[in-house]
């Protein structure tokens, strides 16, 4: 094609047809410019298509990550609520000066039970790498930032705003409690849609052993008057309710983000 145009230009020059040559040259320039513009248009269209596909892939992965974290957090939230219930019951035991019974050991277990979120950030890390503007929907982009930059760090193990309850009570429990090992005390509960029953037999590499649940006070009457234990109860209640509210808020934010993503796919 280039040789063809070159031949025409040479022929016009040799025949001294300057006017026609100029018109032809201008036309050739216009054709080249049109070709460049078309090439740029195709390139821009391809780039846009690639970005749109990447956005969709990122949103799909983000949706999966949110669903997985939501399931974990809702399970953790139930554990934290069990802790609150047992905390209130133990406070009542002390206040009303009740007599110890064997089932109280289960409440002393839940009292120090704690949970933390381990965020799944692969999709959000990819989004930050590509640029947050990859997500064209402003509502999704802002909610994703809120979830990953604000909500989740406040309930994750790496960024605690409150002490781990098991560590908080740890020294006191080691001195004043004994792990329950009474096979006659049966405890059943349901969590994560799974029924649990203690004690039960488990095994590891052929060795069979019993698994128990609960902590037994060494002396319940002394415990009821222990000022350190009362102080630990009071302080831990603040941490417990604060964390419970953080979890609740984070669950709401995750659900909002999931709804926004679902809505975005429905409008495609």
Protein backbone atom coordinates (compact mmCIF):
# COMPACT_ATOMS: atom_id res chain seq x y z
CA UNK A 1 0.00 0.00 0.00
CA UNK A 2 2.84 2.38 0.85
CA UNK A 3 4.56 1.60 -2.47
CA UNK A 4 1.26 2.29 -4.26
CA UNK A 5 0.90 5.78 -2.73
CA UNK A 6 4.58 6.50 -3.34
CA UNK A 7 4.15 5.54 -7.01
CA UNK A 8 1.21 7.94 -7.39
CA UNK A 9 3.15 10.81 -5.82
CA UNK A 10 6.15 10.15 -8.07
CA UNK A 11 3.95 10.00 -11.17
CA UNK A 12 2.27 13.32 -10.34
CA UNK A 13 5.59 15.03 -9.73
CA UNK A 14 7.10 13.73 -12.94
CA UNK A 15 4.08 15.00 -14.91
CA UNK A 16 4.42 18.38 -13.17
CA UNK A 17 0.87 18.21 -11.86
CA UNK A 18 1.63 20.25 -8.74
CA UNK A 19 -1.99 21.16 -7.94
CA UNK A 20 -3.15 17.59 -8.09
CA UNK A 21 -0.10 16.53 -6.11
CA UNK A 22 -0.92 18.97 -3.30
CA UNK A 23 -4.54 17.80 -3.20
CA UNK A 24 -3.38 14.22 -3.15
CA UNK A 25 -0.83 14.93 -0.41
CA UNK A 26 -3.48 16.61 1.73
CA UNK A 27 -5.83 13.70 1.16
CA UNK A 28 -3.12 11.24 2.08
CA UNK A 29 -2.42 13.16 5.30
CA UNK A 30 -6.12 13.13 6.14
CA UNK A 31 -6.27 9.38 5.56
CA UNK A 32 -3.28 8.86 7.83
CA UNK A 33 -4.87 11.04 10.52
CA UNK A 34 -8.16 9.16 10.24
CA UNK A 35 -6.27 5.89 10.55
CA UNK A 36 -4.48 7.10 13.67
CA UNK A 37 -7.75 8.31 15.21
CA UNK A 38 -9.41 4.98 14.46
CA UNK A 39 -6.48 3.12 15.98
CA UNK A 40 -6.68 5.27 19.11
CA UNK A 41 -10.42 4.72 19.30
CA UNK A 42 -9.96 0.95 19.09
CA UNK A 43 -7.18 1.11 21.69
CA UNK A 44 -9.38 3.16 24.04
CA UNK A 45 -12.27 0.78 23.51
CA UNK A 46 -10.05 -2.21 24.31
CA UNK A 47 -8.68 -0.49 27.42
CA UNK A 48 -12.19 0.34 28.60
CA UNK A 49 -13.31 -3.24 27.99
CA UNK A 50 -10.34 -4.58 29.97
CA UNK A 51 -11.08 -2.18 32.85
CA UNK A 52 -14.76 -3.14 32.85
CA UNK A 53 -13.88 -6.83 32.97
CA UNK A 54 -11.39 -6.19 35.78
CA UNK A 55 -14.01 -4.21 37.70
CA UNK A 56 -16.51 -7.04 37.39
CA UNK A 57 -13.95 -9.66 38.44
CA UNK A 58 -12.92 -7.55 41.43
CA UNK A 59 -16.53 -7.04 42.49
CA UNK A 60 -17.21 -10.77 42.26
CA UNK A 61 -14.17 -11.53 44.41
CA UNK A 62 -15.15 -8.75 46.81
CA UNK A 63 -18.61 -10.28 47.09
CA UNK A 64 -17.14 -13.70 47.95
CA UNK A 65 -14.80 -12.19 50.55
CA UNK A 66 -17.64 -10.25 52.16
CA UNK A 67 -19.85 -13.35 52.32
CA UNK A 68 -17.07 -15.39 53.96
CA UNK A 69 -16.28 -12.70 56.52
CA UNK A 70 -19.95 -12.14 57.26
CA UNK A 71 -20.38 -15.82 58.10
CA UNK A 72 -17.36 -15.74 60.41
CA UNK A 73 -18.44 -12.55 62.13
CA UNK A 74 -22.00 -13.71 62.74
CA UNK A 75 -20.61 -16.87 64.36
CA UNK A 76 -18.17 -14.84 66.46
CA UNK A 77 -21.01 -12.52 67.45
CA UNK A 78 -22.96 -15.46 68.88
CA UNK A 79 -19.90 -16.48 70.93
CA UNK A 80 -19.56 -12.94 72.25
CA UNK A 81 -23.25 -12.88 73.20
CA UNK A 82 -22.80 -16.15 75.10
CA UNK A 83 -20.03 -14.41 77.01
CA UNK A 84 -22.32 -11.50 77.87
CA UNK A 85 -25.05 -13.83 79.16
CA UNK A 86 -22.61 -15.74 81.35
CA UNK A 87 -21.04 -12.50 82.56
CA UNK A 88 -24.44 -11.25 83.73
CA UNK A 89 -25.24 -14.58 85.39
CA UNK A 90 -21.94 -14.65 87.28
CA UNK A 91 -22.43 -11.07 88.44
CA UNK A 92 -25.83 -12.14 89.77
CA UNK A 93 -24.30 -15.17 91.52
CA UNK A 94 -22.01 -12.85 93.43
CA UNK A 95 -24.65 -10.22 94.11
CA UNK A 96 -27.26 -12.67 95.40
CA UNK A 97 -24.77 -14.85 97.28
CA UNK A 98 -26.05 -18.06 95.67
CA UNK A 99 -24.78 -21.54 96.45
CA UNK A 100 -22.48 -23.14 93.89
CA UNK A 101 -23.81 -25.79 91.54
CA UNK A 102 -21.90 -27.84 89.00
CA UNK A 103 -23.38 -26.18 85.89
CA UNK A 104 -21.84 -22.84 86.85
CA UNK A 105 -18.53 -24.10 85.49
CA UNK A 106 -19.91 -23.54 81.98
CA UNK A 107 -20.55 -19.86 82.68
CA UNK A 108 -17.00 -19.50 83.96
CA UNK A 109 -15.85 -20.91 80.62
CA UNK A 110 -17.86 -18.42 78.54
CA UNK A 111 -16.78 -15.57 80.80
CA UNK A 112 -13.28 -15.60 79.34
CA UNK A 113 -14.16 -16.74 75.83
CA UNK A 114 -13.14 -14.20 73.19
CA UNK A 115 -13.19 -13.94 69.42
CA UNK A 116 -11.41 -11.87 66.80
CA UNK A 117 -11.94 -11.18 63.14
CA UNK A 118 -9.28 -12.17 60.61
CA UNK A 119 -10.19 -10.01 57.59
CA UNK A 120 -9.97 -11.42 54.07
CA UNK A 121 -8.41 -8.54 52.17
CA UNK A 122 -7.25 -10.07 48.87
CA UNK A 123 -9.98 -8.40 46.79
CA UNK A 124 -9.57 -5.03 48.48
CA UNK A 125 -5.78 -5.21 48.16
CA UNK A 126 -6.24 -5.79 44.42
CA UNK A 127 -8.64 -2.87 44.26
CA UNK A 128 -6.14 -0.56 45.95
CA UNK A 129 -3.40 -1.76 43.60
CA UNK A 130 -5.50 -1.00 40.51
CA UNK A 131 -6.87 2.21 42.02
CA UNK A 132 -10.11 2.65 43.94
CA UNK A 133 -11.55 4.52 40.95
CA UNK A 134 -11.74 1.12 39.22
CA UNK A 135 -15.14 0.80 40.95
CA UNK A 136 -17.35 3.29 39.15
CA UNK A 137 -20.21 3.00 41.63
CA UNK A 138 -19.52 5.65 44.27
CA UNK A 139 -21.66 3.96 46.93
CA UNK A 140 -19.80 0.64 46.61
CA UNK A 141 -16.42 2.34 46.57
CA UNK A 142 -17.12 4.40 49.70
CA UNK A 143 -18.69 1.49 51.58
CA UNK A 144 -15.74 -0.78 50.73
CA UNK A 145 -13.38 1.86 52.11
CA UNK A 146 -15.49 2.13 55.26
CA UNK A 147 -15.52 -1.63 55.80
CA UNK A 148 -11.83 -2.34 55.14
CA UNK A 149 -10.26 0.86 56.44
CA UNK A 150 -12.52 1.61 59.40
CA UNK A 151 -14.78 -1.24 60.58
CA UNK A 152 -12.68 -4.41 60.24
CA UNK A 153 -9.45 -3.06 61.80
CA UNK A 154 -11.42 -2.39 64.99
CA UNK A 155 -12.39 -6.03 65.45
CA UNK A 156 -9.27 -7.74 64.10
CA UNK A 157 -6.61 -9.50 66.14
CA UNK A 158 -3.86 -7.27 64.74
CA UNK A 159 -5.49 -4.02 65.87
CA UNK A 160 -7.26 -4.66 69.19
CA UNK A 161 -8.83 -1.71 70.97
CA UNK A 162 -9.33 -3.86 74.06
CA UNK A 163 -7.44 -6.71 75.74
CA UNK A 164 -8.04 -10.35 74.94
CA UNK A 165 -10.42 -11.55 77.67
CA UNK A 166 -8.69 -14.89 78.16
CA UNK A 167 -5.39 -13.07 78.73
CA UNK A 168 -7.14 -10.46 80.86
CA UNK A 169 -8.46 -13.12 83.26
CA UNK A 170 -5.54 -15.51 82.70
CA UNK A 171 -3.42 -14.99 85.82
CA UNK A 172 -6.45 -14.96 88.09
CA UNK A 173 -7.90 -18.12 86.56
CA UNK A 174 -4.63 -20.00 86.85
CA UNK A 175 -4.56 -19.26 90.57
CA UNK A 176 -8.24 -19.68 91.42
CA UNK A 177 -9.79 -22.15 88.94
CA UNK A 178 -9.36 -25.73 87.81
CA UNK A 179 -10.44 -27.09 84.41
CA UNK A 180 -13.60 -29.16 84.70
CA UNK A 181 -12.99 -32.89 84.30
CA UNK A 182 -16.20 -34.29 85.77
CA UNK A 183 -17.69 -36.81 83.29
CA UNK A 184 -21.09 -36.58 84.99
CA UNK A 185 -21.59 -32.90 84.10
CA UNK A 186 -23.12 -32.80 80.62
CA UNK A 187 -23.32 -29.59 78.62
CA UNK A 188 -25.08 -29.14 75.29
CA UNK A 189 -25.43 -26.09 73.05
CA UNK A 190 -25.88 -25.20 69.40
CA UNK A 191 -23.71 -22.81 67.41
CA UNK A 192 -22.83 -22.37 63.72
CA UNK A 193 -25.84 -24.68 63.08
CA UNK A 194 -23.90 -27.44 64.83
CA UNK A 195 -24.93 -29.23 68.01
CA UNK A 196 -22.20 -29.60 70.64
CA UNK A 197 -22.27 -31.97 73.59
CA UNK A 198 -19.64 -32.28 76.34
CA UNK A 199 -17.85 -34.33 77.42
CA UNK A 200 -17.02 -36.29 74.29
CA UNK A 201 -14.26 -38.58 73.16
CA UNK A 202 -11.71 -37.48 70.59
CA UNK A 203 -8.56 -39.01 69.20
CA UNK A 204 -5.21 -38.00 67.78
CA UNK A 205 -2.87 -40.41 66.01
CA UNK A 206 -4.61 -43.35 67.64
CA UNK A 207 -4.71 -41.92 71.17
CA UNK A 208 -8.25 -41.54 72.53
CA UNK A 209 -9.01 -38.88 75.13
CA UNK A 210 -11.96 -37.11 76.76
CA UNK A 211 -12.76 -33.46 76.00
CA UNK A 212 -14.38 -31.48 78.81
CA UNK A 213 -15.90 -28.01 79.05
CA UNK A 214 -15.81 -25.43 81.83
CA UNK A 215 -13.78 -24.06 84.72
CA UNK A 216 -14.44 -24.88 88.38
CA UNK A 217 -13.65 -22.33 91.14
CA UNK A 218 -11.22 -23.69 93.72
CA UNK A 219 -13.38 -22.12 96.44
CA UNK A 220 -16.61 -20.48 95.29
CA UNK A 221 -17.37 -18.93 98.70
CA UNK A 222 -13.98 -17.23 98.73
CA UNK A 223 -14.41 -16.20 95.08
CA UNK A 224 -17.68 -14.40 95.86
CA UNK A 225 -15.81 -12.11 98.26
CA UNK A 226 -12.70 -11.66 96.13
CA UNK A 227 -12.26 -7.96 95.35
CA UNK A 228 -9.85 -8.62 92.47
CA UNK A 229 -12.38 -10.87 90.74
CA UNK A 230 -15.10 -8.24 91.17
CA UNK A 231 -12.80 -5.62 89.67
CA UNK A 232 -11.98 -7.89 86.71
CA UNK A 233 -15.69 -8.46 86.14
CA UNK A 234 -16.42 -4.75 86.13
CA UNK A 235 -13.55 -3.83 83.82
CA UNK A 236 -14.19 -6.69 81.41
CA UNK A 237 -17.85 -5.70 81.04
CA UNK A 238 -16.73 -2.44 79.43
CA UNK A 239 -14.44 -4.25 77.01
CA UNK A 240 -17.10 -6.86 76.26
CA UNK A 241 -19.91 -4.44 75.43
CA UNK A 242 -17.60 -2.19 73.44
CA UNK A 243 -16.44 -5.12 71.33
CA UNK A 244 -19.97 -6.46 70.91
CA UNK A 245 -21.10 -3.10 69.55
CA UNK A 246 -18.11 -2.94 67.20
CA UNK A 247 -18.96 -6.39 65.89
CA UNK A 248 -22.61 -5.45 65.42
CA UNK A 249 -21.67 -2.30 63.51
CA UNK A 250 -19.20 -4.20 61.30
CA UNK A 251 -21.80 -6.87 60.49
CA UNK A 252 -24.24 -4.16 59.39
CA UNK A 253 -21.55 -2.57 57.20
CA UNK A 254 -20.69 -5.90 55.56
CA UNK A 255 -24.37 -6.55 54.85
CA UNK A 256 -24.74 -3.08 53.33
CA UNK A 257 -21.74 -3.67 51.09
CA UNK A 258 -23.10 -7.06 50.01
CA UNK A 259 -26.48 -5.50 49.13
CA UNK A 260 -24.83 -2.75 47.09
CA UNK A 261 -22.78 -5.26 45.08
CA UNK A 262 -25.84 -7.45 44.45
CA UNK A 263 -27.77 -4.40 43.28
CA UNK A 264 -24.94 -3.43 40.93
CA UNK A 265 -24.98 -6.84 39.24
CA UNK A 266 -28.76 -6.78 38.90
CA UNK A 267 -28.59 -3.48 37.00
CA UNK A 268 -25.95 -4.74 34.52
